[in-house]
mmCIF file of all heavy atoms, coordinates in Angstrom:
data_MODEL
# 
_entry.id   MODEL 
# 
loop_
_atom_site.group_PDB 
_atom_site.id 
_atom_site.type_symbol 
_atom_site.label_atom_id 
_atom_site.label_alt_id 
_atom_site.label_comp_id 
_atom_site.label_asym_id 
_atom_site.label_entity_id 
_atom_site.label_seq_id 
_atom_site.pdbx_PDB_ins_code 
_atom_site.Cartn_x 
_atom_site.Cartn_y 
_atom_site.Cartn_z 
_atom_site.occupancy 
_atom_site.B_iso_or_equiv 
_atom_site.pdbx_formal_charge 
_atom_site.auth_seq_id 
_atom_site.auth_comp_id 
_atom_site.auth_asym_id 
_atom_site.auth_atom_id 
_atom_site.pdbx_PDB_model_num 
ATOM 1   N N   . PRO A 1 1  ? -66.114 81.835 -20.857 1.00 0.00 ? 1  PRO A N   1 
ATOM 2   C CA  . PRO A 1 1  ? -64.974 82.591 -20.301 1.00 0.00 ? 1  PRO A CA  1 
ATOM 3   C C   . PRO A 1 1  ? -63.624 81.919 -20.543 1.00 0.00 ? 1  PRO A C   1 
ATOM 4   O O   . PRO A 1 1  ? -62.589 82.546 -20.408 1.00 0.00 ? 1  PRO A O   1 
ATOM 5   C CB  . PRO A 1 1  ? -65.264 82.647 -18.807 1.00 0.00 ? 1  PRO A CB  1 
ATOM 6   C CG  . PRO A 1 1  ? -66.122 81.438 -18.547 1.00 0.00 ? 1  PRO A CG  1 
ATOM 7   C CD  . PRO A 1 1  ? -66.927 81.231 -19.800 1.00 0.00 ? 1  PRO A CD  1 
ATOM 8   N N   . LEU A 1 2  ? -63.644 80.646 -20.918 1.00 0.00 ? 2  LEU A N   1 
ATOM 9   C CA  . LEU A 1 2  ? -62.374 79.921 -21.031 1.00 0.00 ? 2  LEU A CA  1 
ATOM 10  C C   . LEU A 1 2  ? -61.569 80.380 -22.238 1.00 0.00 ? 2  LEU A C   1 
ATOM 11  O O   . LEU A 1 2  ? -60.333 80.571 -22.125 1.00 0.00 ? 2  LEU A O   1 
ATOM 12  C CB  . LEU A 1 2  ? -62.609 78.425 -21.136 1.00 0.00 ? 2  LEU A CB  1 
ATOM 13  C CG  . LEU A 1 2  ? -61.354 77.509 -21.209 1.00 0.00 ? 2  LEU A CG  1 
ATOM 14  C CD1 . LEU A 1 2  ? -60.407 77.788 -20.070 1.00 0.00 ? 2  LEU A CD1 1 
ATOM 15  C CD2 . LEU A 1 2  ? -61.785 76.023 -21.246 1.00 0.00 ? 2  LEU A CD2 1 
ATOM 16  N N   . TRP A 1 3  ? -62.179 80.595 -23.388 1.00 0.00 ? 3  TRP A N   1 
ATOM 17  C CA  . TRP A 1 3  ? -61.350 80.942 -24.569 1.00 0.00 ? 3  TRP A CA  1 
ATOM 18  C C   . TRP A 1 3  ? -60.623 82.241 -24.414 1.00 0.00 ? 3  TRP A C   1 
ATOM 19  O O   . TRP A 1 3  ? -59.455 82.340 -24.770 1.00 0.00 ? 3  TRP A O   1 
ATOM 20  C CB  . TRP A 1 3  ? -62.192 80.839 -25.853 1.00 0.00 ? 3  TRP A CB  1 
ATOM 21  C CG  . TRP A 1 3  ? -63.185 81.926 -26.086 1.00 0.00 ? 3  TRP A CG  1 
ATOM 22  C CD1 . TRP A 1 3  ? -64.516 81.906 -25.804 1.00 0.00 ? 3  TRP A CD1 1 
ATOM 23  C CD2 . TRP A 1 3  ? -62.938 83.211 -26.669 1.00 0.00 ? 3  TRP A CD2 1 
ATOM 24  N NE1 . TRP A 1 3  ? -65.116 83.095 -26.163 1.00 0.00 ? 3  TRP A NE1 1 
ATOM 25  C CE2 . TRP A 1 3  ? -64.148 83.888 -26.691 1.00 0.00 ? 3  TRP A CE2 1 
ATOM 26  C CE3 . TRP A 1 3  ? -61.798 83.863 -27.162 1.00 0.00 ? 3  TRP A CE3 1 
ATOM 27  C CZ2 . TRP A 1 3  ? -64.273 85.200 -27.201 1.00 0.00 ? 3  TRP A CZ2 1 
ATOM 28  C CZ3 . TRP A 1 3  ? -61.906 85.141 -27.650 1.00 0.00 ? 3  TRP A CZ3 1 
ATOM 29  C CH2 . TRP A 1 3  ? -63.125 85.816 -27.662 1.00 0.00 ? 3  TRP A CH2 1 
ATOM 30  N N   . PRO A 1 4  ? -61.249 83.342 -23.842 1.00 0.00 ? 4  PRO A N   1 
ATOM 31  C CA  . PRO A 1 4  ? -60.439 84.551 -23.644 1.00 0.00 ? 4  PRO A CA  1 
ATOM 32  C C   . PRO A 1 4  ? -59.319 84.366 -22.628 1.00 0.00 ? 4  PRO A C   1 
ATOM 33  O O   . PRO A 1 4  ? -58.264 85.002 -22.743 1.00 0.00 ? 4  PRO A O   1 
ATOM 34  C CB  . PRO A 1 4  ? -61.423 85.622 -23.166 1.00 0.00 ? 4  PRO A CB  1 
ATOM 35  C CG  . PRO A 1 4  ? -62.777 85.028 -23.196 1.00 0.00 ? 4  PRO A CG  1 
ATOM 36  C CD  . PRO A 1 4  ? -62.619 83.576 -23.474 1.00 0.00 ? 4  PRO A CD  1 
ATOM 37  N N   . ILE A 1 5  ? -59.520 83.496 -21.666 1.00 0.00 ? 5  ILE A N   1 
ATOM 38  C CA  . ILE A 1 5  ? -58.472 83.200 -20.679 1.00 0.00 ? 5  ILE A CA  1 
ATOM 39  C C   . ILE A 1 5  ? -57.297 82.573 -21.375 1.00 0.00 ? 5  ILE A C   1 
ATOM 40  O O   . ILE A 1 5  ? -56.147 82.923 -21.166 1.00 0.00 ? 5  ILE A O   1 
ATOM 41  C CB  . ILE A 1 5  ? -59.024 82.316 -19.534 1.00 0.00 ? 5  ILE A CB  1 
ATOM 42  C CG1 . ILE A 1 5  ? -59.988 83.112 -18.653 1.00 0.00 ? 5  ILE A CG1 1 
ATOM 43  C CG2 . ILE A 1 5  ? -57.890 81.747 -18.704 1.00 0.00 ? 5  ILE A CG2 1 
ATOM 44  C CD1 . ILE A 1 5  ? -60.745 82.276 -17.667 1.00 0.00 ? 5  ILE A CD1 1 
ATOM 45  N N   . LEU A 1 6  ? -57.619 81.577 -22.268 1.00 0.00 ? 6  LEU A N   1 
ATOM 46  C CA  . LEU A 1 6  ? -56.572 80.917 -22.993 1.00 0.00 ? 6  LEU A CA  1 
ATOM 47  C C   . LEU A 1 6  ? -55.795 81.873 -23.943 1.00 0.00 ? 6  LEU A C   1 
ATOM 48  O O   . LEU A 1 6  ? -54.569 81.784 -24.059 1.00 0.00 ? 6  LEU A O   1 
ATOM 49  C CB  . LEU A 1 6  ? -57.129 79.771 -23.824 1.00 0.00 ? 6  LEU A CB  1 
ATOM 50  C CG  . LEU A 1 6  ? -57.753 78.630 -22.960 1.00 0.00 ? 6  LEU A CG  1 
ATOM 51  C CD1 . LEU A 1 6  ? -58.449 77.626 -23.861 1.00 0.00 ? 6  LEU A CD1 1 
ATOM 52  C CD2 . LEU A 1 6  ? -56.665 77.954 -22.111 1.00 0.00 ? 6  LEU A CD2 1 
ATOM 53  N N   . VAL A 1 7  ? -56.499 82.819 -24.547 1.00 0.00 ? 7  VAL A N   1 
ATOM 54  C CA  . VAL A 1 7  ? -55.882 83.804 -25.392 1.00 0.00 ? 7  VAL A CA  1 
ATOM 55  C C   . VAL A 1 7  ? -54.933 84.671 -24.559 1.00 0.00 ? 7  VAL A C   1 
ATOM 56  O O   . VAL A 1 7  ? -53.797 84.971 -24.962 1.00 0.00 ? 7  VAL A O   1 
ATOM 57  C CB  . VAL A 1 7  ? -56.924 84.653 -26.127 1.00 0.00 ? 7  VAL A CB  1 
ATOM 58  C CG1 . VAL A 1 7  ? -56.285 85.865 -26.792 1.00 0.00 ? 7  VAL A CG1 1 
ATOM 59  C CG2 . VAL A 1 7  ? -57.688 83.823 -27.132 1.00 0.00 ? 7  VAL A CG2 1 
ATOM 60  N N   . SER A 1 8  ? -55.393 85.074 -23.384 1.00 0.00 ? 8  SER A N   1 
ATOM 61  C CA  . SER A 1 8  ? -54.528 85.903 -22.516 1.00 0.00 ? 8  SER A CA  1 
ATOM 62  C C   . SER A 1 8  ? -53.315 85.101 -21.985 1.00 0.00 ? 8  SER A C   1 
ATOM 63  O O   . SER A 1 8  ? -52.216 85.603 -21.918 1.00 0.00 ? 8  SER A O   1 
ATOM 64  C CB  . SER A 1 8  ? -55.360 86.439 -21.362 1.00 0.00 ? 8  SER A CB  1 
ATOM 65  O OG  . SER A 1 8  ? -56.376 87.330 -21.845 1.00 0.00 ? 8  SER A OG  1 
ATOM 66  N N   . LEU A 1 9  ? -53.580 83.846 -21.684 1.00 0.00 ? 9  LEU A N   1 
ATOM 67  C CA  . LEU A 1 9  ? -52.433 82.986 -21.284 1.00 0.00 ? 9  LEU A CA  1 
ATOM 68  C C   . LEU A 1 9  ? -51.437 82.792 -22.446 1.00 0.00 ? 9  LEU A C   1 
ATOM 69  O O   . LEU A 1 9  ? -50.232 82.750 -22.219 1.00 0.00 ? 9  LEU A O   1 
ATOM 70  C CB  . LEU A 1 9  ? -52.909 81.643 -20.809 1.00 0.00 ? 9  LEU A CB  1 
ATOM 71  C CG  . LEU A 1 9  ? -53.414 81.548 -19.377 1.00 0.00 ? 9  LEU A CG  1 
ATOM 72  C CD1 . LEU A 1 9  ? -54.150 80.253 -19.131 1.00 0.00 ? 9  LEU A CD1 1 
ATOM 73  C CD2 . LEU A 1 9  ? -52.266 81.775 -18.385 1.00 0.00 ? 9  LEU A CD2 1 
ATOM 74  N N   . ALA A 1 10 ? -51.947 82.770 -23.658 1.00 0.00 ? 10 ALA A N   1 
ATOM 75  C CA  . ALA A 1 10 ? -51.044 82.662 -24.831 1.00 0.00 ? 10 ALA A CA  1 
ATOM 76  C C   . ALA A 1 10 ? -50.159 83.931 -24.906 1.00 0.00 ? 10 ALA A C   1 
ATOM 77  O O   . ALA A 1 10 ? -49.010 83.840 -25.214 1.00 0.00 ? 10 ALA A O   1 
ATOM 78  C CB  . ALA A 1 10 ? -51.870 82.542 -26.085 1.00 0.00 ? 10 ALA A CB  1 
ATOM 79  N N   . GLU A 1 11 ? -50.745 85.089 -24.578 1.00 0.00 ? 11 GLU A N   1 
ATOM 80  C CA  . GLU A 1 11 ? -49.979 86.302 -24.591 1.00 0.00 ? 11 GLU A CA  1 
ATOM 81  C C   . GLU A 1 11 ? -48.879 86.252 -23.488 1.00 0.00 ? 11 GLU A C   1 
ATOM 82  O O   . GLU A 1 11 ? -47.765 86.701 -23.694 1.00 0.00 ? 11 GLU A O   1 
ATOM 83  C CB  . GLU A 1 11 ? -50.857 87.538 -24.404 1.00 0.00 ? 11 GLU A CB  1 
ATOM 84  C CG  . GLU A 1 11 ? -50.109 88.804 -24.499 1.00 0.00 ? 11 GLU A CG  1 
ATOM 85  C CD  . GLU A 1 11 ? -50.962 90.081 -24.449 1.00 0.00 ? 11 GLU A CD  1 
ATOM 86  O OE1 . GLU A 1 11 ? -52.210 89.958 -24.606 1.00 0.00 ? 11 GLU A OE1 1 
ATOM 87  O OE2 . GLU A 1 11 ? -50.404 91.136 -24.206 1.00 0.00 ? 11 GLU A OE2 1 
ATOM 88  N N   . VAL A 1 12 ? -49.254 85.717 -22.317 1.00 0.00 ? 12 VAL A N   1 
ATOM 89  C CA  . VAL A 1 12 ? -48.272 85.557 -21.259 1.00 0.00 ? 12 VAL A CA  1 
ATOM 90  C C   . VAL A 1 12 ? -47.106 84.660 -21.738 1.00 0.00 ? 12 VAL A C   1 
ATOM 91  O O   . VAL A 1 12 ? -45.939 85.037 -21.551 1.00 0.00 ? 12 VAL A O   1 
ATOM 92  C CB  . VAL A 1 12 ? -48.935 84.942 -19.987 1.00 0.00 ? 12 VAL A CB  1 
ATOM 93  C CG1 . VAL A 1 12 ? -47.885 84.443 -18.990 1.00 0.00 ? 12 VAL A CG1 1 
ATOM 94  C CG2 . VAL A 1 12 ? -49.874 85.963 -19.335 1.00 0.00 ? 12 VAL A CG2 1 
ATOM 95  N N   . GLU A 1 13 ? -47.437 83.554 -22.287 1.00 0.00 ? 13 GLU A N   1 
ATOM 96  C CA  . GLU A 1 13 ? -46.416 82.626 -22.786 1.00 0.00 ? 13 GLU A CA  1 
ATOM 97  C C   . GLU A 1 13 ? -45.554 83.258 -23.882 1.00 0.00 ? 13 GLU A C   1 
ATOM 98  O O   . GLU A 1 13 ? -44.354 83.092 -23.902 1.00 0.00 ? 13 GLU A O   1 
ATOM 99  C CB  . GLU A 1 13 ? -47.041 81.302 -23.290 1.00 0.00 ? 13 GLU A CB  1 
ATOM 100 C CG  . GLU A 1 13 ? -47.690 80.497 -22.211 1.00 0.00 ? 13 GLU A CG  1 
ATOM 101 C CD  . GLU A 1 13 ? -46.746 80.059 -21.116 1.00 0.00 ? 13 GLU A CD  1 
ATOM 102 O OE1 . GLU A 1 13 ? -45.519 80.006 -21.325 1.00 0.00 ? 13 GLU A OE1 1 
ATOM 103 O OE2 . GLU A 1 13 ? -47.271 79.699 -20.016 1.00 0.00 ? 13 GLU A OE2 1 
ATOM 104 N N   . ALA A 1 14 ? -46.161 84.000 -24.772 1.00 0.00 ? 14 ALA A N   1 
ATOM 105 C CA  . ALA A 1 14 ? -45.422 84.693 -25.821 1.00 0.00 ? 14 ALA A CA  1 
ATOM 106 C C   . ALA A 1 14 ? -44.446 85.714 -25.246 1.00 0.00 ? 14 ALA A C   1 
ATOM 107 O O   . ALA A 1 14 ? -43.289 85.785 -25.682 1.00 0.00 ? 14 ALA A O   1 
ATOM 108 C CB  . ALA A 1 14 ? -46.368 85.337 -26.804 1.00 0.00 ? 14 ALA A CB  1 
ATOM 109 N N   . ARG A 1 15 ? -44.886 86.400 -24.262 1.00 0.00 ? 15 ARG A N   1 
ATOM 110 C CA  . ARG A 1 15 ? -44.001 87.431 -23.632 1.00 0.00 ? 15 ARG A CA  1 
ATOM 111 C C   . ARG A 1 15 ? -42.842 86.724 -22.886 1.00 0.00 ? 15 ARG A C   1 
ATOM 112 O O   . ARG A 1 15 ? -41.809 87.321 -22.737 1.00 0.00 ? 15 ARG A O   1 
ATOM 113 C CB  . ARG A 1 15 ? -44.812 88.289 -22.617 1.00 0.00 ? 15 ARG A CB  1 
ATOM 114 C CG  . ARG A 1 15 ? -45.715 89.289 -23.257 1.00 0.00 ? 15 ARG A CG  1 
ATOM 115 C CD  . ARG A 1 15 ? -46.188 90.261 -22.268 1.00 0.00 ? 15 ARG A CD  1 
ATOM 116 N NE  . ARG A 1 15 ? -47.210 91.150 -22.810 1.00 0.00 ? 15 ARG A NE  1 
ATOM 117 C CZ  . ARG A 1 15 ? -47.705 92.162 -22.173 1.00 0.00 ? 15 ARG A CZ  1 
ATOM 118 N NH1 . ARG A 1 15 ? -47.308 92.451 -20.950 1.00 0.00 ? 15 ARG A NH1 1 
ATOM 119 N NH2 . ARG A 1 15 ? -48.615 92.947 -22.753 1.00 0.00 ? 15 ARG A NH2 1 
ATOM 120 N N   . CYS A 1 16 ? -43.059 85.501 -22.462 1.00 0.00 ? 16 CYS A N   1 
ATOM 121 C CA  . CYS A 1 16 ? -42.012 84.752 -21.787 1.00 0.00 ? 16 CYS A CA  1 
ATOM 122 C C   . CYS A 1 16 ? -41.151 83.971 -22.766 1.00 0.00 ? 16 CYS A C   1 
ATOM 123 O O   . CYS A 1 16 ? -40.214 83.255 -22.357 1.00 0.00 ? 16 CYS A O   1 
ATOM 124 C CB  . CYS A 1 16 ? -42.638 83.783 -20.775 1.00 0.00 ? 16 CYS A CB  1 
ATOM 125 S SG  . CYS A 1 16 ? -43.370 84.656 -19.366 1.00 0.00 ? 16 CYS A SG  1 
ATOM 126 N N   . GLY A 1 17 ? -41.424 84.110 -24.089 1.00 0.00 ? 17 GLY A N   1 
ATOM 127 C CA  . GLY A 1 17 ? -40.652 83.421 -25.074 1.00 0.00 ? 17 GLY A CA  1 
ATOM 128 C C   . GLY A 1 17 ? -41.038 81.968 -25.344 1.00 0.00 ? 17 GLY A C   1 
ATOM 129 O O   . GLY A 1 17 ? -40.402 81.285 -26.056 1.00 0.00 ? 17 GLY A O   1 
ATOM 130 N N   . ASN A 1 18 ? -42.155 81.555 -24.771 1.00 0.00 ? 18 ASN A N   1 
ATOM 131 C CA  . ASN A 1 18 ? -42.651 80.213 -24.934 1.00 0.00 ? 18 ASN A CA  1 
ATOM 132 C C   . ASN A 1 18 ? -43.649 80.154 -26.105 1.00 0.00 ? 18 ASN A C   1 
ATOM 133 O O   . ASN A 1 18 ? -44.848 79.997 -25.902 1.00 0.00 ? 18 ASN A O   1 
ATOM 134 C CB  . ASN A 1 18 ? -43.348 79.688 -23.638 1.00 0.00 ? 18 ASN A CB  1 
ATOM 135 C CG  . ASN A 1 18 ? -42.394 79.764 -22.453 1.00 0.00 ? 18 ASN A CG  1 
ATOM 136 O OD1 . ASN A 1 18 ? -41.196 79.546 -22.643 1.00 0.00 ? 18 ASN A OD1 1 
ATOM 137 N ND2 . ASN A 1 18 ? -42.928 80.053 -21.316 1.00 0.00 ? 18 ASN A ND2 1 
ATOM 138 N N   . HIS A 1 19 ? -43.128 80.254 -27.285 1.00 0.00 ? 19 HIS A N   1 
ATOM 139 C CA  . HIS A 1 19 ? -44.004 80.431 -28.486 1.00 0.00 ? 19 HIS A CA  1 
ATOM 140 C C   . HIS A 1 19 ? -44.801 79.187 -28.839 1.00 0.00 ? 19 HIS A C   1 
ATOM 141 O O   . HIS A 1 19 ? -45.903 79.264 -29.323 1.00 0.00 ? 19 HIS A O   1 
ATOM 142 C CB  . HIS A 1 19 ? -43.200 80.968 -29.657 1.00 0.00 ? 19 HIS A CB  1 
ATOM 143 C CG  . HIS A 1 19 ? -42.586 82.315 -29.372 1.00 0.00 ? 19 HIS A CG  1 
ATOM 144 N ND1 . HIS A 1 19 ? -43.314 83.440 -29.238 1.00 0.00 ? 19 HIS A ND1 1 
ATOM 145 C CD2 . HIS A 1 19 ? -41.266 82.646 -29.117 1.00 0.00 ? 19 HIS A CD2 1 
ATOM 146 C CE1 . HIS A 1 19 ? -42.522 84.456 -28.939 1.00 0.00 ? 19 HIS A CE1 1 
ATOM 147 N NE2 . HIS A 1 19 ? -41.263 83.991 -28.847 1.00 0.00 ? 19 HIS A NE2 1 
ATOM 148 N N   . VAL A 1 20 ? -44.215 78.023 -28.562 1.00 0.00 ? 20 VAL A N   1 
ATOM 149 C CA  . VAL A 1 20 ? -44.922 76.758 -28.831 1.00 0.00 ? 20 VAL A CA  1 
ATOM 150 C C   . VAL A 1 20 ? -46.126 76.646 -27.879 1.00 0.00 ? 20 VAL A C   1 
ATOM 151 O O   . VAL A 1 20 ? -47.247 76.320 -28.313 1.00 0.00 ? 20 VAL A O   1 
ATOM 152 C CB  . VAL A 1 20 ? -43.990 75.554 -28.699 1.00 0.00 ? 20 VAL A CB  1 
ATOM 153 C CG1 . VAL A 1 20 ? -44.783 74.248 -28.753 1.00 0.00 ? 20 VAL A CG1 1 
ATOM 154 C CG2 . VAL A 1 20 ? -42.890 75.588 -29.737 1.00 0.00 ? 20 VAL A CG2 1 
ATOM 155 N N   . ALA A 1 21 ? -45.939 76.962 -26.607 1.00 0.00 ? 21 ALA A N   1 
ATOM 156 C CA  . ALA A 1 21 ? -47.013 76.903 -25.650 1.00 0.00 ? 21 ALA A CA  1 
ATOM 157 C C   . ALA A 1 21 ? -48.074 77.961 -26.029 1.00 0.00 ? 21 ALA A C   1 
ATOM 158 O O   . ALA A 1 21 ? -49.261 77.713 -25.928 1.00 0.00 ? 21 ALA A O   1 
ATOM 159 C CB  . ALA A 1 21 ? -46.493 77.177 -24.253 1.00 0.00 ? 21 ALA A CB  1 
ATOM 160 N N   . ALA A 1 22 ? -47.633 79.155 -26.460 1.00 0.00 ? 22 ALA A N   1 
ATOM 161 C CA  . ALA A 1 22 ? -48.565 80.197 -26.839 1.00 0.00 ? 22 ALA A CA  1 
ATOM 162 C C   . ALA A 1 22 ? -49.451 79.723 -28.016 1.00 0.00 ? 22 ALA A C   1 
ATOM 163 O O   . ALA A 1 22 ? -50.690 79.929 -27.965 1.00 0.00 ? 22 ALA A O   1 
ATOM 164 C CB  . ALA A 1 22 ? -47.793 81.456 -27.198 1.00 0.00 ? 22 ALA A CB  1 
ATOM 165 N N   . GLN A 1 23 ? -48.805 79.140 -28.999 1.00 0.00 ? 23 GLN A N   1 
ATOM 166 C CA  . GLN A 1 23 ? -49.553 78.648 -30.150 1.00 0.00 ? 23 GLN A CA  1 
ATOM 167 C C   . GLN A 1 23 ? -50.561 77.560 -29.752 1.00 0.00 ? 23 GLN A C   1 
ATOM 168 O O   . GLN A 1 23 ? -51.690 77.555 -30.234 1.00 0.00 ? 23 GLN A O   1 
ATOM 169 C CB  . GLN A 1 23 ? -48.644 78.134 -31.222 1.00 0.00 ? 23 GLN A CB  1 
ATOM 170 C CG  . GLN A 1 23 ? -49.304 77.738 -32.522 1.00 0.00 ? 23 GLN A CG  1 
ATOM 171 C CD  . GLN A 1 23 ? -50.130 78.879 -33.145 1.00 0.00 ? 23 GLN A CD  1 
ATOM 172 O OE1 . GLN A 1 23 ? -49.793 80.016 -33.054 1.00 0.00 ? 23 GLN A OE1 1 
ATOM 173 N NE2 . GLN A 1 23 ? -51.247 78.496 -33.752 1.00 0.00 ? 23 GLN A NE2 1 
ATOM 174 N N   . SER A 1 24 ? -50.144 76.696 -28.873 1.00 0.00 ? 24 SER A N   1 
ATOM 175 C CA  . SER A 1 24 ? -51.079 75.630 -28.383 1.00 0.00 ? 24 SER A CA  1 
ATOM 176 C C   . SER A 1 24 ? -52.244 76.202 -27.703 1.00 0.00 ? 24 SER A C   1 
ATOM 177 O O   . SER A 1 24 ? -53.402 75.734 -27.884 1.00 0.00 ? 24 SER A O   1 
ATOM 178 C CB  . SER A 1 24 ? -50.291 74.687 -27.481 1.00 0.00 ? 24 SER A CB  1 
ATOM 179 O OG  . SER A 1 24 ? -51.122 73.716 -26.967 1.00 0.00 ? 24 SER A OG  1 
ATOM 180 N N   . LEU A 1 25 ? -52.020 77.209 -26.878 1.00 0.00 ? 25 LEU A N   1 
ATOM 181 C CA  . LEU A 1 25 ? -53.151 77.876 -26.174 1.00 0.00 ? 25 LEU A CA  1 
ATOM 182 C C   . LEU A 1 25 ? -54.092 78.595 -27.147 1.00 0.00 ? 25 LEU A C   1 
ATOM 183 O O   . LEU A 1 25 ? -55.324 78.490 -26.998 1.00 0.00 ? 25 LEU A O   1 
ATOM 184 C CB  . LEU A 1 25 ? -52.605 78.859 -25.127 1.00 0.00 ? 25 LEU A CB  1 
ATOM 185 C CG  . LEU A 1 25 ? -51.974 78.208 -23.896 1.00 0.00 ? 25 LEU A CG  1 
ATOM 186 C CD1 . LEU A 1 25 ? -51.078 79.192 -23.178 1.00 0.00 ? 25 LEU A CD1 1 
ATOM 187 C CD2 . LEU A 1 25 ? -53.061 77.676 -22.962 1.00 0.00 ? 25 LEU A CD2 1 
# 
């Protein structure tokens, strides 16, 4: 379950403009 959570968190970060954090996730 962790990897889809990380992918969704990456989408959250991308929507917030945090593209480096999104890529890391």
